[in-house]
Protein backbone atom coordinates (compact mmCIF):
# COMPACT_ATOMS: atom_id res chain seq x y z
CA MET A 1 -12.33 -7.17 -38.25
CA ALA A 2 -8.95 -6.45 -36.64
CA GLU A 3 -8.90 -5.82 -32.89
CA PRO A 4 -8.37 -2.20 -31.85
CA THR A 5 -4.85 -1.29 -30.78
CA ALA A 6 -3.79 0.75 -27.79
CA GLU A 7 -2.56 4.30 -28.03
CA PRO A 8 1.02 5.24 -27.13
CA ILE A 9 1.65 7.05 -23.85
CA VAL A 10 4.15 9.85 -23.24
CA ILE A 11 5.98 10.03 -19.89
CA GLY A 12 8.72 12.59 -19.39
CA GLY A 13 8.79 13.32 -23.09
CA VAL A 14 9.44 9.63 -23.89
CA VAL A 15 6.92 7.92 -26.16
CA VAL A 16 6.04 4.33 -25.21
CA ARG A 17 4.16 2.59 -28.01
CA PRO A 18 1.84 -0.44 -27.83
CA GLY A 19 3.84 -3.59 -27.17
CA GLU A 20 6.80 -1.68 -25.69
CA ARG A 21 8.31 -1.76 -22.21
CA ARG A 22 10.51 1.18 -21.23
CA ILE A 23 12.35 2.46 -18.16
CA ILE A 24 12.20 6.24 -17.90
CA ASP A 25 14.14 8.44 -15.48
CA LEU A 26 12.13 11.54 -14.59
CA PRO A 27 14.48 14.40 -13.59
CA ILE A 28 13.72 15.73 -10.10
CA SER A 29 16.59 17.91 -8.94
CA ASP A 30 20.34 17.98 -8.36
CA LEU A 31 22.19 17.36 -5.14
CA SER A 32 24.50 20.06 -3.84
CA THR A 33 27.30 17.99 -5.44
CA HIS A 34 25.73 18.61 -8.89
CA THR A 35 24.65 14.96 -8.99
CA PRO A 36 21.29 14.61 -10.78
CA ILE A 37 18.44 12.84 -8.97
CA THR A 38 15.75 11.11 -11.02
CA MET A 39 12.56 9.17 -10.30
CA PRO A 40 12.68 5.70 -11.93
CA VAL A 41 9.53 4.70 -13.84
CA GLN A 42 8.80 1.54 -15.82
CA VAL A 43 6.03 1.71 -18.41
CA ILE A 44 4.46 -1.35 -20.00
CA CYS A 45 2.12 -0.46 -22.84
CA GLY A 46 -0.13 -3.34 -23.89
CA ARG A 47 -0.98 -3.99 -27.50
CA GLN A 48 -4.69 -3.80 -26.81
CA PRO A 49 -6.51 -0.81 -25.29
CA GLY A 50 -7.55 -0.77 -21.65
CA PRO A 51 -7.19 1.16 -18.40
CA LYS A 52 -4.00 3.00 -17.50
CA LEU A 53 -2.98 1.98 -13.98
CA PHE A 54 -0.17 3.44 -11.90
CA VAL A 55 1.27 1.48 -8.98
CA CYS A 56 3.60 3.48 -6.75
CA ALA A 57 5.60 2.93 -3.57
CA ALA A 58 7.94 4.77 -1.20
CA LEU A 59 5.93 7.97 -1.21
CA HIS A 60 7.30 7.87 2.31
CA GLY A 61 10.94 7.05 1.71
CA ASP A 62 11.32 4.46 4.48
CA GLU A 63 8.26 2.42 3.46
CA ILE A 64 10.13 -0.06 1.31
CA SER A 65 7.86 -3.14 1.13
CA GLY A 66 6.07 -1.65 -1.87
CA VAL A 67 9.37 -1.55 -3.76
CA GLU A 68 9.58 -5.34 -3.47
CA ILE A 69 5.90 -5.73 -4.37
CA ILE A 70 6.47 -3.79 -7.59
CA ARG A 71 9.63 -5.76 -8.39
CA ARG A 72 7.70 -9.03 -8.17
CA LEU A 73 4.71 -7.54 -10.00
CA LEU A 74 6.92 -6.72 -12.98
CA LYS A 75 7.98 -10.40 -13.16
CA LEU A 76 4.45 -11.66 -13.79
CA ARG A 77 4.15 -13.67 -17.00
CA ALA A 78 0.56 -12.49 -17.35
CA LEU A 79 1.88 -9.03 -18.24
CA HIS A 80 2.70 -10.40 -21.71
CA ARG A 81 -1.08 -10.32 -22.28
CA LEU A 82 -1.62 -6.92 -20.72
CA ARG A 83 -4.53 -4.81 -21.91
CA GLY A 84 -3.98 -1.11 -21.36
CA THR A 85 -0.95 0.38 -19.66
CA LEU A 86 0.85 -0.30 -16.39
CA ILE A 87 3.02 2.48 -14.97
CA ALA A 88 5.22 1.23 -12.11
CA VAL A 89 6.94 3.78 -9.86
CA PRO A 90 8.75 1.85 -7.11
CA ILE A 91 10.47 4.86 -5.49
CA VAL A 92 8.62 8.18 -5.55
CA ASN A 93 10.45 9.87 -2.67
CA VAL A 94 13.99 9.12 -3.87
CA PHE A 95 15.56 11.51 -1.35
CA GLY A 96 13.89 9.81 1.62
CA PHE A 97 14.60 6.35 0.23
CA VAL A 98 18.38 6.80 0.00
CA SER A 99 18.53 8.41 3.46
CA LEU A 100 16.20 5.82 5.09
CA SER A 101 13.82 8.63 6.01
CA ARG A 102 10.05 9.05 5.76
CA TYR A 103 10.44 12.67 4.75
CA LEU A 104 12.15 14.93 2.26
CA PRO A 105 15.42 16.61 3.29
CA ASP A 106 13.44 19.64 4.53
CA ARG A 107 11.35 17.31 6.77
CA ARG A 108 8.21 17.81 4.70
CA ASP A 109 5.78 14.90 4.21
CA LEU A 110 5.35 14.27 0.49
CA ASN A 111 1.91 12.77 1.09
CA ARG A 112 0.73 16.09 2.53
CA SER A 113 2.23 18.20 -0.29
CA PHE A 114 -0.13 17.51 -3.23
CA PRO A 115 -1.01 18.92 -5.69
CA GLY A 116 2.29 20.72 -5.34
CA SER A 117 3.79 23.53 -7.34
CA PRO A 118 6.64 23.88 -9.87
CA ARG A 119 7.96 26.83 -7.84
CA GLY A 120 7.34 25.62 -4.29
CA SER A 121 9.39 23.59 -1.83
CA LEU A 122 11.22 20.44 -2.90
CA ALA A 123 8.23 18.38 -1.67
CA ALA A 124 5.81 20.60 -3.62
CA ARG A 125 7.91 20.29 -6.79
CA LEU A 126 8.15 16.50 -6.47
CA ALA A 127 4.38 16.24 -5.87
CA HIS A 128 3.72 18.47 -8.90
CA LEU A 129 6.00 16.31 -11.07
CA PHE A 130 4.37 13.03 -9.98
CA LEU A 131 0.86 14.39 -10.39
CA GLY A 132 1.52 15.81 -13.85
CA GLU A 133 3.65 13.05 -15.34
CA ILE A 134 2.00 10.00 -13.78
CA VAL A 135 -1.38 10.50 -12.12
CA THR A 136 -3.08 12.70 -14.72
CA LYS A 137 -2.13 10.25 -17.49
CA CYS A 138 -3.81 7.31 -15.74
CA THR A 139 -7.34 6.08 -15.17
CA HIS A 140 -6.69 4.23 -11.87
CA GLY A 141 -4.02 4.07 -9.17
CA ILE A 142 -2.72 1.92 -6.31
CA ASP A 143 -0.53 3.53 -3.64
CA LEU A 144 1.56 1.09 -1.54
CA HIS A 145 2.40 1.94 2.08
CA THR A 146 3.56 0.35 5.36
CA GLY A 147 3.35 1.25 9.01
CA ALA A 148 5.79 3.81 10.41
CA VAL A 149 9.13 3.00 12.04
CA HIS A 150 8.64 0.44 14.85
CA ARG A 151 4.97 0.00 13.87
CA ALA A 152 3.55 -2.80 11.76
CA ASN A 153 0.25 -2.91 9.89
CA TYR A 154 -1.89 -5.94 9.12
CA PRO A 155 -2.69 -6.16 5.36
CA GLN A 156 -5.52 -3.70 4.73
CA ILE A 157 -6.95 -1.37 2.11
CA ARG A 158 -7.86 2.24 2.85
CA ALA A 159 -10.26 3.84 0.41
CA ASN A 160 -13.14 6.25 -0.01
CA LEU A 161 -15.92 3.71 -0.36
CA ASP A 162 -18.47 6.36 -1.38
CA ASP A 163 -16.86 6.20 -4.85
CA PRO A 164 -18.22 3.05 -6.58
CA GLU A 165 -15.08 2.52 -8.70
CA VAL A 166 -12.83 2.90 -5.67
CA ALA A 167 -15.03 0.47 -3.75
CA ARG A 168 -14.78 -2.06 -6.58
CA MET A 169 -10.99 -1.85 -6.58
CA ALA A 170 -10.83 -2.09 -2.78
CA THR A 171 -12.98 -5.20 -2.48
CA SER A 172 -11.27 -6.96 -5.39
CA PHE A 173 -7.80 -6.57 -3.82
CA GLY A 174 -8.43 -9.58 -1.61
CA VAL A 175 -7.15 -8.61 1.84
CA PRO A 176 -9.32 -9.21 4.90
CA VAL A 177 -9.88 -5.61 6.02
CA VAL A 178 -11.07 -2.60 4.01
CA ILE A 179 -11.28 0.70 5.90
CA ASP A 180 -13.55 3.46 4.68
CA ALA A 181 -11.05 6.31 4.95
CA THR A 182 -11.85 9.94 4.26
CA LEU A 183 -9.59 11.94 1.96
CA ARG A 184 -6.84 13.88 3.72
CA GLY A 185 -5.78 17.33 2.60
CA GLY A 186 -2.54 17.34 0.63
CA SER A 187 -2.59 13.57 0.04
CA LEU A 188 -2.03 11.80 -3.25
CA ARG A 189 -5.51 10.27 -3.01
CA GLN A 190 -7.17 13.66 -2.68
CA ALA A 191 -5.18 15.15 -5.58
CA ALA A 192 -5.97 12.15 -7.79
CA VAL A 193 -9.70 12.45 -7.11
CA GLY A 194 -9.49 16.04 -8.29
CA HIS A 195 -8.40 14.68 -11.67
CA GLY A 196 -11.02 11.92 -11.75
CA VAL A 197 -8.53 9.12 -10.95
CA PRO A 198 -9.74 6.56 -8.36
CA VAL A 199 -6.93 5.47 -6.01
CA ILE A 200 -6.75 2.89 -3.23
CA VAL A 201 -4.04 2.62 -0.56
CA TYR A 202 -2.57 -0.74 0.48
CA GLU A 203 -1.12 -0.69 4.00
CA ALA A 204 0.91 -3.63 5.29
CA GLY A 205 4.13 -4.36 7.14
CA GLU A 206 6.63 -2.05 8.82
CA ALA A 207 8.94 0.71 7.60
CA LEU A 208 12.49 -0.37 6.66
CA ARG A 209 11.54 -4.06 6.76
CA PHE A 210 10.38 -6.70 4.28
CA ASP A 211 7.46 -8.75 5.53
CA GLU A 212 6.84 -11.81 3.35
CA LEU A 213 3.12 -12.11 4.07
CA SER A 214 2.56 -8.43 3.29
CA VAL A 215 4.59 -8.59 0.08
CA ARG A 216 2.85 -11.73 -1.24
CA ALA A 217 -0.58 -10.36 -0.40
CA GLY A 218 0.34 -7.10 -2.11
CA VAL A 219 1.46 -8.72 -5.36
CA ARG A 220 -1.63 -10.89 -5.55
CA GLY A 221 -3.84 -7.96 -4.61
CA VAL A 222 -2.53 -5.73 -7.40
CA ALA A 223 -2.94 -8.60 -9.87
CA ARG A 224 -6.54 -9.12 -8.69
CA VAL A 225 -7.33 -5.45 -9.21
CA MET A 226 -5.82 -5.63 -12.69
CA ARG A 227 -8.01 -8.65 -13.44
CA SER A 228 -11.08 -6.82 -12.20
CA LEU A 229 -10.21 -4.00 -14.61
CA ASN A 230 -9.78 -6.56 -17.45
CA MET A 231 -6.11 -5.63 -17.76
CA LEU A 232 -5.00 -9.23 -17.13
CA PRO A 233 -6.58 -12.52 -18.20
CA PRO A 234 -8.91 -14.07 -15.60
CA GLY A 235 -7.49 -16.41 -12.97
CA LYS A 236 -8.24 -20.07 -12.53
CA PRO A 237 -11.97 -20.81 -12.32
CA GLY A 238 -13.45 -21.93 -9.03
CA ARG A 239 -11.03 -19.96 -6.88
CA ARG A 240 -12.87 -18.47 -3.91
CA HIS A 241 -13.06 -14.70 -3.68
CA LEU A 242 -12.37 -13.27 -0.23
CA ASP A 243 -15.14 -10.93 0.87
CA PRO A 244 -13.39 -8.36 3.06
CA ILE A 245 -14.55 -6.98 6.37
CA VAL A 246 -15.53 -3.35 5.81
CA ALA A 247 -14.74 -1.12 8.77
CA ARG A 248 -16.11 2.39 9.17
CA SER A 249 -14.10 3.45 12.21
CA SER A 250 -10.93 2.64 14.11
CA THR A 251 -9.11 3.78 17.23
CA TRP A 252 -5.60 3.79 18.66
CA VAL A 253 -5.18 2.28 22.11
CA ARG A 254 -2.64 4.47 23.89
CA ALA A 255 -0.27 3.62 26.72
CA PRO A 256 -1.89 4.34 30.11
CA ALA A 257 1.59 4.52 31.69
CA SER A 258 5.27 4.55 30.77
CA GLY A 259 7.37 1.41 31.01
CA ILE A 260 8.18 -1.82 29.20
CA LEU A 261 5.39 -3.36 27.11
CA ARG A 262 4.78 -7.09 26.86
CA THR A 263 2.32 -7.66 24.02
CA SER A 264 -0.14 -10.55 24.20
CA VAL A 265 -1.94 -10.24 20.83
CA ALA A 266 -0.66 -10.56 17.27
CA LEU A 267 -1.51 -8.50 14.21
CA GLY A 268 -4.78 -9.70 12.74
CA SER A 269 -6.09 -10.95 16.08
CA GLN A 270 -9.79 -10.67 16.75
CA VAL A 271 -10.35 -9.13 20.19
CA GLN A 272 -13.36 -8.55 22.43
CA ALA A 273 -14.15 -5.41 24.37
CA GLU A 274 -12.06 -5.18 27.56
CA ALA A 275 -9.77 -8.01 26.37
CA SER A 276 -6.16 -7.78 27.51
CA LEU A 277 -3.76 -6.62 24.79
CA GLY A 278 -0.62 -6.53 26.91
CA LEU A 279 1.02 -5.40 30.13
CA ILE A 280 3.24 -2.40 30.86
CA SER A 281 5.62 -2.82 33.78
CA ASP A 282 8.54 -1.04 35.38
CA PRO A 283 12.00 -2.62 34.92
CA PHE A 284 11.64 -4.53 38.21
CA GLY A 285 8.17 -5.89 37.44
CA GLU A 286 6.82 -4.55 40.71
CA ILE A 287 4.21 -2.35 39.00
CA GLU A 288 2.12 -3.68 36.10
CA VAL A 289 -0.60 -1.87 34.18
CA GLU A 290 -2.91 -3.76 31.84
CA VAL A 291 -3.65 -2.46 28.33
CA SER A 292 -7.15 -3.47 27.23
CA SER A 293 -9.22 -3.14 24.07
CA PRO A 294 -11.94 -0.45 24.19
CA SER A 295 -14.19 -2.38 21.79
CA GLU A 296 -14.70 -5.54 19.79
CA GLY A 297 -12.58 -5.56 16.65
CA ILE A 298 -9.41 -6.57 14.85
CA VAL A 299 -5.83 -5.54 15.60
CA ILE A 300 -4.68 -3.91 12.34
CA GLY A 301 -1.67 -2.03 13.72
CA ARG A 302 0.77 -2.55 16.56
CA THR A 303 3.95 -1.08 17.96
CA ASN A 304 7.00 -3.33 17.78
CA LEU A 305 8.95 -1.26 20.29
CA PRO A 306 8.67 -2.53 23.89
CA LEU A 307 9.79 0.77 25.44
CA VAL A 308 6.77 3.05 25.70
CA HIS A 309 5.81 6.39 27.19
CA GLU A 310 2.40 7.36 28.50
CA GLY A 311 0.21 8.37 25.56
CA ASP A 312 2.12 6.39 22.90
CA GLY A 313 -0.05 4.61 20.33
CA LEU A 314 0.27 0.89 21.00
CA PHE A 315 -2.52 -0.94 19.15
CA HIS A 316 -4.71 0.14 16.23
CA ILE A 317 -8.14 -1.49 16.43
CA VAL A 318 -10.85 -1.42 13.76
CA ARG A 319 -14.31 -1.68 15.24
CA VAL A 320 -16.20 -4.61 13.73
CA GLU A 321 -18.96 -6.86 15.00
CA GLY A 322 -20.07 -10.35 14.08
CA THR A 323 -17.67 -12.83 15.61
CA GLN A 324 -18.34 -15.70 13.20
CA VAL A 325 -18.09 -13.62 10.01
CA VAL A 326 -14.87 -11.97 11.16
CA ALA A 327 -13.33 -15.30 12.17
CA GLU A 328 -14.20 -16.91 8.83
CA THR A 329 -12.69 -14.02 6.86
CA LEU A 330 -9.46 -13.97 8.87
CA ASP A 331 -9.16 -17.76 8.69
CA ALA A 332 -9.66 -17.73 4.91
CA PHE A 333 -6.89 -15.14 4.46
CA THR A 334 -4.52 -16.99 6.80
CA SER A 335 -5.19 -20.28 5.01
CA GLU A 336 -4.48 -18.71 1.64
CA GLU A 337 -1.17 -17.31 2.88
CA GLU A 338 -0.10 -20.62 4.41
CA GLN A 339 -0.76 -22.41 1.13
CA ALA A 340 1.17 -19.83 -0.92
CA GLU A 341 4.75 -21.07 -1.09
CA GLY A 342 5.43 -18.59 -3.89
CA LEU A 343 3.62 -16.71 -6.58
CA THR A 344 1.04 -18.90 -8.26
CA ALA A 345 2.22 -20.78 -11.32
CA GLU A 346 -0.02 -18.94 -13.74
CA LEU A 347 1.38 -15.61 -12.60
CA ALA A 348 5.14 -15.68 -12.13
CA ASP A 349 8.39 -17.02 -13.50
CA GLU A 350 10.37 -16.86 -10.29
CA PRO A 351 9.78 -18.21 -6.77
CA VAL A 352 9.28 -15.94 -3.80
CA LEU A 353 12.53 -15.37 -1.95
CA SER A 354 12.51 -16.40 1.69
């Protein structure tokens, strides 16, 4: 008996049939110069049926690491044996991307504008387009993000772990920290849930910067999720699966005073309650104020800007306990990254650029 074949998918009025790979430009709007602006989408439709996964980046226009993750993802040789459909959208917020801005030209946050409206603001119209043309035609989604400007995030997944399918995707991604994050109003995740589409968010790196560790972990993580969904062939047998640390709460440590910050902990560091995270001093060094951790946990976010004002968020700490378990998980992730000189041979044709 012949194997069943996949069904074609229609994006922006373009039909992509099983075995085809197409780039589609979704019309968004025109500039005041009458120049058309489009959202670039690449669709890979496998010959055999399976899930329909979207992977998107630059929902915030300055969060560009996901663009590189998607570029490398599309180079994977394993995609020749894809089951189902992969929809890659490397730049959702095209306006913010070209202007190096997190926001739309009207300063609206696209990730607070869902589900949008065809007659609303530019952000609402873009959200409505993405939801209708991409999200509602998929069964699963991965949204790629970074920290904000001058802030870096340690590789982590944010997801609503009360949803079993979301939890399965989150734990299979293979980064050391998974945060149980509630759905925010107006977010892509919330809108997707309304259409029965489970979505996880990958957070890593800093806005307007490429971070090699974050990019490599992102490519491998998306591939792992695709394997867990049976979209890609299984990896090499015997490879250890990283059991992530699941965190239920986190807190920002804020500057107790204004001044110049000297940081003493790196991203991914395990810290104890009351441990020193850094010192804030005046320009002469005559006054120094210590910044300490309020609880035991892991540093998953950190400012990269030494000049701080009282109340600024400096360190993002997830509260976790169990020193040995945490240390083993972080060590396993670090070891894996140190051994990865490029994408693994069974996945990619090209080496990772340094």
